[in-house]
Amino acid sequence: MGRKAKTAVHGMKKKDVTVTLTPEGVEMLDIKANLLGISRSELIERIARGQVTSDSEAKRMGELLRT
């Protein structure tokens, strides 16, 4: 059985990349992705596209922590 093609929400085929982070960096990435309800990959995608800013991210995380 072949490998399933990865498609992004953004309508393009995904490309595998390797990112090297410290254990603390991975933990922070996971926390932020979990709070936003998205995967690590999607969080990195949004950061690269400028769709996650510190202000909007902080506001969203604050809303999630209050619930």
PDB file of N, CA and C in Angstrom:
ATOM      1  N   MET A   1       0.848  -1.169   0.000  1.00  0.00           N
ATOM      2  CA  MET A   1       0.000   0.000   0.000  1.00  0.00           C
ATOM      3  C   MET A   1       0.894   1.233   0.000  1.00  0.00           C
ATOM      4  N   GLY A   2       0.632   2.191  -0.869  1.00  0.00           N
ATOM      5  CA  GLY A   2       1.435   3.406  -0.992  1.00  0.00           C
ATOM      6  C   GLY A   2       1.156   4.392   0.123  1.00  0.00           C
ATOM      7  N   ARG A   3       2.029   5.328   0.221  1.00  0.00           N
ATOM      8  CA  ARG A   3       1.904   6.372   1.230  1.00  0.00           C
ATOM      9  C   ARG A   3       0.798   7.347   0.843  1.00  0.00           C
ATOM     10  N   LYS A   4      -0.019   7.712   1.805  1.00  0.00           N
ATOM     11  CA  LYS A   4      -1.126   8.643   1.553  1.00  0.00           C
ATOM     12  C   LYS A   4      -0.558  10.037   1.267  1.00  0.00           C
ATOM     13  N   ALA A   5      -1.073  10.662   0.234  1.00  0.00           N
ATOM     14  CA  ALA A   5      -0.636  12.024  -0.104  1.00  0.00           C
ATOM     15  C   ALA A   5      -1.093  12.983   0.985  1.00  0.00           C
ATOM     16  N   LYS A   6      -0.213  13.887   1.377  1.00  0.00           N
ATOM     17  CA  LYS A   6      -0.544  14.884   2.388  1.00  0.00           C
ATOM     18  C   LYS A   6      -1.052  16.138   1.686  1.00  0.00           C
ATOM     19  N   THR A   7      -2.204  16.605   2.098  1.00  0.00           N
ATOM     20  CA  THR A   7      -2.717  17.848   1.541  1.00  0.00           C
ATOM     21  C   THR A   7      -2.966  18.830   2.670  1.00  0.00           C
ATOM     22  N   ALA A   8      -2.657  20.054   2.422  1.00  0.00           N
ATOM     23  CA  ALA A   8      -2.826  21.097   3.430  1.00  0.00           C
ATOM     24  C   ALA A   8      -4.206  21.700   3.329  1.00  0.00           C
ATOM     25  N   VAL A   9      -4.612  22.311   4.388  1.00  0.00           N
ATOM     26  CA  VAL A   9      -5.861  23.068   4.398  1.00  0.00           C
ATOM     27  C   VAL A   9      -5.789  24.154   3.335  1.00  0.00           C
ATOM     28  N   HIS A  10      -4.595  24.562   3.018  1.00  0.00           N
ATOM     29  CA  HIS A  10      -4.359  25.661   2.091  1.00  0.00           C
ATOM     30  C   HIS A  10      -4.391  25.222   0.628  1.00  0.00           C
ATOM     31  N   GLY A  11      -4.802  23.989   0.372  1.00  0.00           N
ATOM     32  CA  GLY A  11      -5.019  23.518  -0.988  1.00  0.00           C
ATOM     33  C   GLY A  11      -3.776  23.106  -1.757  1.00  0.00           C
ATOM     34  N   MET A  12      -2.683  22.905  -1.071  1.00  0.00           N
ATOM     35  CA  MET A  12      -1.457  22.481  -1.741  1.00  0.00           C
ATOM     36  C   MET A  12      -0.941  21.197  -1.121  1.00  0.00           C
ATOM     37  N   LYS A  13      -0.201  20.446  -1.908  1.00  0.00           N
ATOM     38  CA  LYS A  13       0.431  19.236  -1.408  1.00  0.00           C
ATOM     39  C   LYS A  13       1.502  19.637  -0.400  1.00  0.00           C
ATOM     40  N   LYS A  14       1.561  18.916   0.718  1.00  0.00           N
ATOM     41  CA  LYS A  14       2.559  19.218   1.743  1.00  0.00           C
ATOM     42  C   LYS A  14       3.901  18.581   1.411  1.00  0.00           C
ATOM     43  N   LYS A  15       4.947  19.207   1.914  1.00  0.00           N
ATOM     44  CA  LYS A  15       6.305  18.724   1.733  1.00  0.00           C
ATOM     45  C   LYS A  15       6.879  18.412   3.109  1.00  0.00           C
ATOM     46  N   ASP A  16       7.520  17.257   3.245  1.00  0.00           N
ATOM     47  CA  ASP A  16       8.156  16.900   4.511  1.00  0.00           C
ATOM     48  C   ASP A  16       9.390  17.759   4.740  1.00  0.00           C
ATOM     49  N   VAL A  17       9.522  18.262   5.958  1.00  0.00           N
ATOM     50  CA  VAL A  17      10.713  19.015   6.368  1.00  0.00           C
ATOM     51  C   VAL A  17      11.109  18.538   7.766  1.00  0.00           C
ATOM     52  N   THR A  18      12.350  18.776   8.114  1.00  0.00           N
ATOM     53  CA  THR A  18      12.825  18.443   9.446  1.00  0.00           C
ATOM     54  C   THR A  18      13.150  19.727  10.179  1.00  0.00           C
ATOM     55  N   VAL A  19      12.659  19.833  11.390  1.00  0.00           N
ATOM     56  CA  VAL A  19      12.916  20.993  12.237  1.00  0.00           C
ATOM     57  C   VAL A  19      13.559  20.473  13.515  1.00  0.00           C
ATOM     58  N   THR A  20      14.630  21.104  13.938  1.00  0.00           N
ATOM     59  CA  THR A  20      15.312  20.699  15.153  1.00  0.00           C
ATOM     60  C   THR A  20      15.078  21.744  16.234  1.00  0.00           C
ATOM     61  N   LEU A  21      14.521  21.307  17.350  1.00  0.00           N
ATOM     62  CA  LEU A  21      14.197  22.203  18.455  1.00  0.00           C
ATOM     63  C   LEU A  21      14.747  21.624  19.759  1.00  0.00           C
ATOM     64  N   THR A  22      14.906  22.494  20.734  1.00  0.00           N
ATOM     65  CA  THR A  22      15.250  22.031  22.072  1.00  0.00           C
ATOM     66  C   THR A  22      14.023  21.341  22.665  1.00  0.00           C
ATOM     67  N   PRO A  23      14.205  20.536  23.701  1.00  0.00           N
ATOM     68  CA  PRO A  23      13.034  19.933  24.354  1.00  0.00           C
ATOM     69  C   PRO A  23      12.034  20.989  24.834  1.00  0.00           C
ATOM     70  N   GLU A  24      12.531  22.114  25.335  1.00  0.00           N
ATOM     71  CA  GLU A  24      11.646  23.192  25.783  1.00  0.00           C
ATOM     72  C   GLU A  24      10.881  23.790  24.597  1.00  0.00           C
ATOM     73  N   GLY A  25      11.559  23.930  23.462  1.00  0.00           N
ATOM     74  CA  GLY A  25      10.903  24.447  22.267  1.00  0.00           C
ATOM     75  C   GLY A  25       9.782  23.543  21.796  1.00  0.00           C
ATOM     76  N   VAL A  26      10.016  22.233  21.829  1.00  0.00           N
ATOM     77  CA  VAL A  26       8.984  21.263  21.442  1.00  0.00           C
ATOM     78  C   VAL A  26       7.802  21.357  22.394  1.00  0.00           C
ATOM     79  N   GLU A  27       8.099  21.466  23.687  1.00  0.00           N
ATOM     80  CA  GLU A  27       7.035  21.570  24.680  1.00  0.00           C
ATOM     81  C   GLU A  27       6.186  22.820  24.447  1.00  0.00           C
ATOM     82  N   MET A  28       6.834  23.944  24.183  1.00  0.00           N
ATOM     83  CA  MET A  28       6.092  25.186  23.939  1.00  0.00           C
ATOM     84  C   MET A  28       5.278  25.102  22.655  1.00  0.00           C
ATOM     85  N   LEU A  29       5.847  24.499  21.626  1.00  0.00           N
ATOM     86  CA  LEU A  29       5.125  24.315  20.371  1.00  0.00           C
ATOM     87  C   LEU A  29       3.878  23.460  20.592  1.00  0.00           C
ATOM     88  N   ASP A  30       4.038  22.374  21.343  1.00  0.00           N
ATOM     89  CA  ASP A  30       2.904  21.497  21.634  1.00  0.00           C
ATOM     90  C   ASP A  30       1.828  22.213  22.449  1.00  0.00           C
ATOM     91  N   ILE A  31       2.236  22.983  23.439  1.00  0.00           N
ATOM     92  CA  ILE A  31       1.273  23.716  24.266  1.00  0.00           C
ATOM     93  C   ILE A  31       0.478  24.689  23.403  1.00  0.00           C
ATOM     94  N   LYS A  32       1.170  25.456  22.578  1.00  0.00           N
ATOM     95  CA  LYS A  32       0.492  26.437  21.726  1.00  0.00           C
ATOM     96  C   LYS A  32      -0.430  25.763  20.724  1.00  0.00           C
ATOM     97  N   ALA A  33       0.045  24.691  20.105  1.00  0.00           N
ATOM     98  CA  ALA A  33      -0.792  23.978  19.131  1.00  0.00           C
ATOM     99  C   ALA A  33      -2.028  23.396  19.812  1.00  0.00           C
ATOM    100  N   ASN A  34      -1.839  22.799  20.987  1.00  0.00           N
ATOM    101  CA  ASN A  34      -2.978  22.223  21.713  1.00  0.00           C
ATOM    102  C   ASN A  34      -3.976  23.291  22.119  1.00  0.00           C
ATOM    103  N   LEU A  35      -3.501  24.425  22.592  1.00  0.00           N
ATOM    104  CA  LEU A  35      -4.408  25.507  22.981  1.00  0.00           C
ATOM    105  C   LEU A  35      -5.209  26.036  21.795  1.00  0.00           C
ATOM    106  N   LEU A  36      -4.586  26.035  20.628  1.00  0.00           N
ATOM    107  CA  LEU A  36      -5.269  26.514  19.425  1.00  0.00           C
ATOM    108  C   LEU A  36      -6.076  25.416  18.737  1.00  0.00           C
ATOM    109  N   GLY A  37      -5.916  24.175  19.199  1.00  0.00           N
ATOM    110  CA  GLY A  37      -6.663  23.057  18.633  1.00  0.00           C
ATOM    111  C   GLY A  37      -6.180  22.642  17.257  1.00  0.00           C
ATOM    112  N   ILE A  38      -4.871  22.811  17.011  1.00  0.00           N
ATOM    113  CA  ILE A  38      -4.293  22.458  15.717  1.00  0.00           C
ATOM    114  C   ILE A  38      -3.033  21.616  15.932  1.00  0.00           C
ATOM    115  N   SER A  39      -2.536  21.041  14.858  1.00  0.00           N
ATOM    116  CA  SER A  39      -1.316  20.235  14.933  1.00  0.00           C
ATOM    117  C   SER A  39      -0.079  21.120  14.967  1.00  0.00           C
ATOM    118  N   ARG A  40       1.044  20.528  15.333  1.00  0.00           N
ATOM    119  CA  ARG A  40       2.327  21.236  15.265  1.00  0.00           C
ATOM    120  C   ARG A  40       2.555  21.763  13.854  1.00  0.00           C
ATOM    121  N   SER A  41       2.311  20.891  12.901  1.00  0.00           N
ATOM    122  CA  SER A  41       2.536  21.232  11.501  1.00  0.00           C
ATOM    123  C   SER A  41       1.699  22.439  11.079  1.00  0.00           C
ATOM    124  N   GLU A  42       0.444  22.437  11.460  1.00  0.00           N
ATOM    125  CA  GLU A  42      -0.440  23.555  11.096  1.00  0.00           C
ATOM    126  C   GLU A  42      -0.012  24.835  11.800  1.00  0.00           C
ATOM    127  N   LEU A  43       0.446  24.737  13.047  1.00  0.00           N
ATOM    128  CA  LEU A  43       0.925  25.925  13.755  1.00  0.00           C
ATOM    129  C   LEU A  43       2.132  26.522  13.036  1.00  0.00           C
ATOM    130  N   ILE A  44       3.073  25.686  12.635  1.00  0.00           N
ATOM    131  CA  ILE A  44       4.251  26.167  11.904  1.00  0.00           C
ATOM    132  C   ILE A  44       3.831  26.771  10.570  1.00  0.00           C
ATOM    133  N   GLU A  45       2.895  26.134   9.884  1.00  0.00           N
ATOM    134  CA  GLU A  45       2.366  26.661   8.615  1.00  0.00           C
ATOM    135  C   GLU A  45       1.785  28.063   8.806  1.00  0.00           C
ATOM    136  N   ARG A  46       0.978  28.225   9.834  1.00  0.00           N
ATOM    137  CA  ARG A  46       0.348  29.524  10.088  1.00  0.00           C
ATOM    138  C   ARG A  46       1.383  30.586  10.458  1.00  0.00           C
ATOM    139  N   ILE A  47       2.393  30.203  11.241  1.00  0.00           N
ATOM    140  CA  ILE A  47       3.460  31.147  11.579  1.00  0.00           C
ATOM    141  C   ILE A  47       4.171  31.583  10.306  1.00  0.00           C
ATOM    142  N   ALA A  48       4.494  30.631   9.433  1.00  0.00           N
ATOM    143  CA  ALA A  48       5.187  30.945   8.180  1.00  0.00           C
ATOM    144  C   ALA A  48       4.357  31.859   7.287  1.00  0.00           C
ATOM    145  N   ARG A  49       3.045  31.701   7.312  1.00  0.00           N
ATOM    146  CA  ARG A  49       2.155  32.515   6.491  1.00  0.00           C
ATOM    147  C   ARG A  49       1.786  33.845   7.148  1.00  0.00           C
ATOM    148  N   GLY A  50       2.281  34.067   8.356  1.00  0.00           N
ATOM    149  CA  GLY A  50       1.960  35.296   9.070  1.00  0.00           C
ATOM    150  C   GLY A  50       0.550  35.320   9.611  1.00  0.00           C
ATOM    151  N   GLN A  51      -0.047  34.138   9.782  1.00  0.00           N
ATOM    152  CA  GLN A  51      -1.427  34.059  10.257  1.00  0.00           C
ATOM    153  C   GLN A  51      -1.516  33.925  11.768  1.00  0.00           C
ATOM    154  N   VAL A  52      -0.386  33.756  12.432  1.00  0.00           N
ATOM    155  CA  VAL A  52      -0.347  33.701  13.882  1.00  0.00           C
ATOM    156  C   VAL A  52       0.610  34.792  14.331  1.00  0.00           C
ATOM    157  N   THR A  53       0.069  35.771  14.994  1.00  0.00           N
ATOM    158  CA  THR A  53       0.896  36.840  15.539  1.00  0.00           C
ATOM    159  C   THR A  53       0.875  36.724  17.048  1.00  0.00           C
ATOM    160  N   SER A  54       1.817  37.314  17.682  1.00  0.00           N
ATOM    161  CA  SER A  54       1.867  37.212  19.136  1.00  0.00           C
ATOM    162  C   SER A  54       0.590  37.769  19.779  1.00  0.00           C
ATOM    163  N   ASP A  55       0.033  38.852  19.233  1.00  0.00           N
ATOM    164  CA  ASP A  55      -1.183  39.434  19.798  1.00  0.00           C
ATOM    165  C   ASP A  55      -2.392  38.518  19.633  1.00  0.00           C
ATOM    166  N   SER A  56      -2.600  38.017  18.405  1.00  0.00           N
ATOM    167  CA  SER A  56      -3.766  37.157  18.180  1.00  0.00           C
ATOM    168  C   SER A  56      -3.607  35.838  18.915  1.00  0.00           C
ATOM    169  N   GLU A  57      -2.401  35.338  18.968  1.00  0.00           N
ATOM    170  CA  GLU A  57      -2.135  34.084  19.669  1.00  0.00           C
ATOM    171  C   GLU A  57      -2.392  34.256  21.160  1.00  0.00           C
ATOM    172  N   ALA A  58      -1.900  35.329  21.744  1.00  0.00           N
ATOM    173  CA  ALA A  58      -2.083  35.580  23.170  1.00  0.00           C
ATOM    174  C   ALA A  58      -3.571  35.730  23.499  1.00  0.00           C
ATOM    175  N   LYS A  59      -4.297  36.436  22.659  1.00  0.00           N
ATOM    176  CA  LYS A  59      -5.728  36.622  22.879  1.00  0.00           C
ATOM    177  C   LYS A  59      -6.458  35.287  22.836  1.00  0.00           C
ATOM    178  N   ARG A  60      -6.165  34.481  21.832  1.00  0.00           N
ATOM    179  CA  ARG A  60      -6.825  33.179  21.680  1.00  0.00           C
ATOM    180  C   ARG A  60      -6.486  32.261  22.846  1.00  0.00           C
ATOM    181  N   MET A  61      -5.226  32.228  23.256  1.00  0.00           N
ATOM    182  CA  MET A  61      -4.827  31.381  24.372  1.00  0.00           C
ATOM    183  C   MET A  61      -5.493  31.847  25.659  1.00  0.00           C
ATOM    184  N   GLY A  62      -5.599  33.158  25.839  1.00  0.00           N
ATOM    185  CA  GLY A  62      -6.281  33.685  27.013  1.00  0.00           C
ATOM    186  C   GLY A  62      -7.738  33.269  27.054  1.00  0.00           C
ATOM    187  N   GLU A  63      -8.400  33.293  25.901  1.00  0.00           N
ATOM    188  CA  GLU A  63      -9.800  32.867  25.816  1.00  0.00           C
ATOM    189  C   GLU A  63      -9.926  31.394  26.156  1.00  0.00           C
ATOM    190  N   LEU A  64      -9.020  30.582  25.657  1.00  0.00           N
ATOM    191  CA  LEU A  64      -9.081  29.140  25.932  1.00  0.00           C
ATOM    192  C   LEU A  64      -8.794  28.831  27.384  1.00  0.00           C
ATOM    193  N   LEU A  65      -7.898  29.566  27.995  1.00  0.00           N
ATOM    194  CA  LEU A  65      -7.574  29.320  29.409  1.00  0.00           C
ATOM    195  C   LEU A  65      -8.717  29.713  30.323  1.00  0.00           C
ATOM    196  N   ARG A  66      -9.543  30.685  29.917  1.00  0.00           N
ATOM    197  CA  ARG A  66     -10.681  31.127  30.735  1.00  0.00           C
ATOM    198  C   ARG A  66     -11.844  30.124  30.691  1.00  0.00           C
ATOM    199  N   THR A  67     -11.892  29.295  29.654  1.00  0.00           N
ATOM    200  CA  THR A  67     -13.028  28.363  29.516  1.00  0.00           C
ATOM    201  C   THR A  67     -12.830  27.106  30.316  1.00  0.00           C
TER     202      THR A  67
END
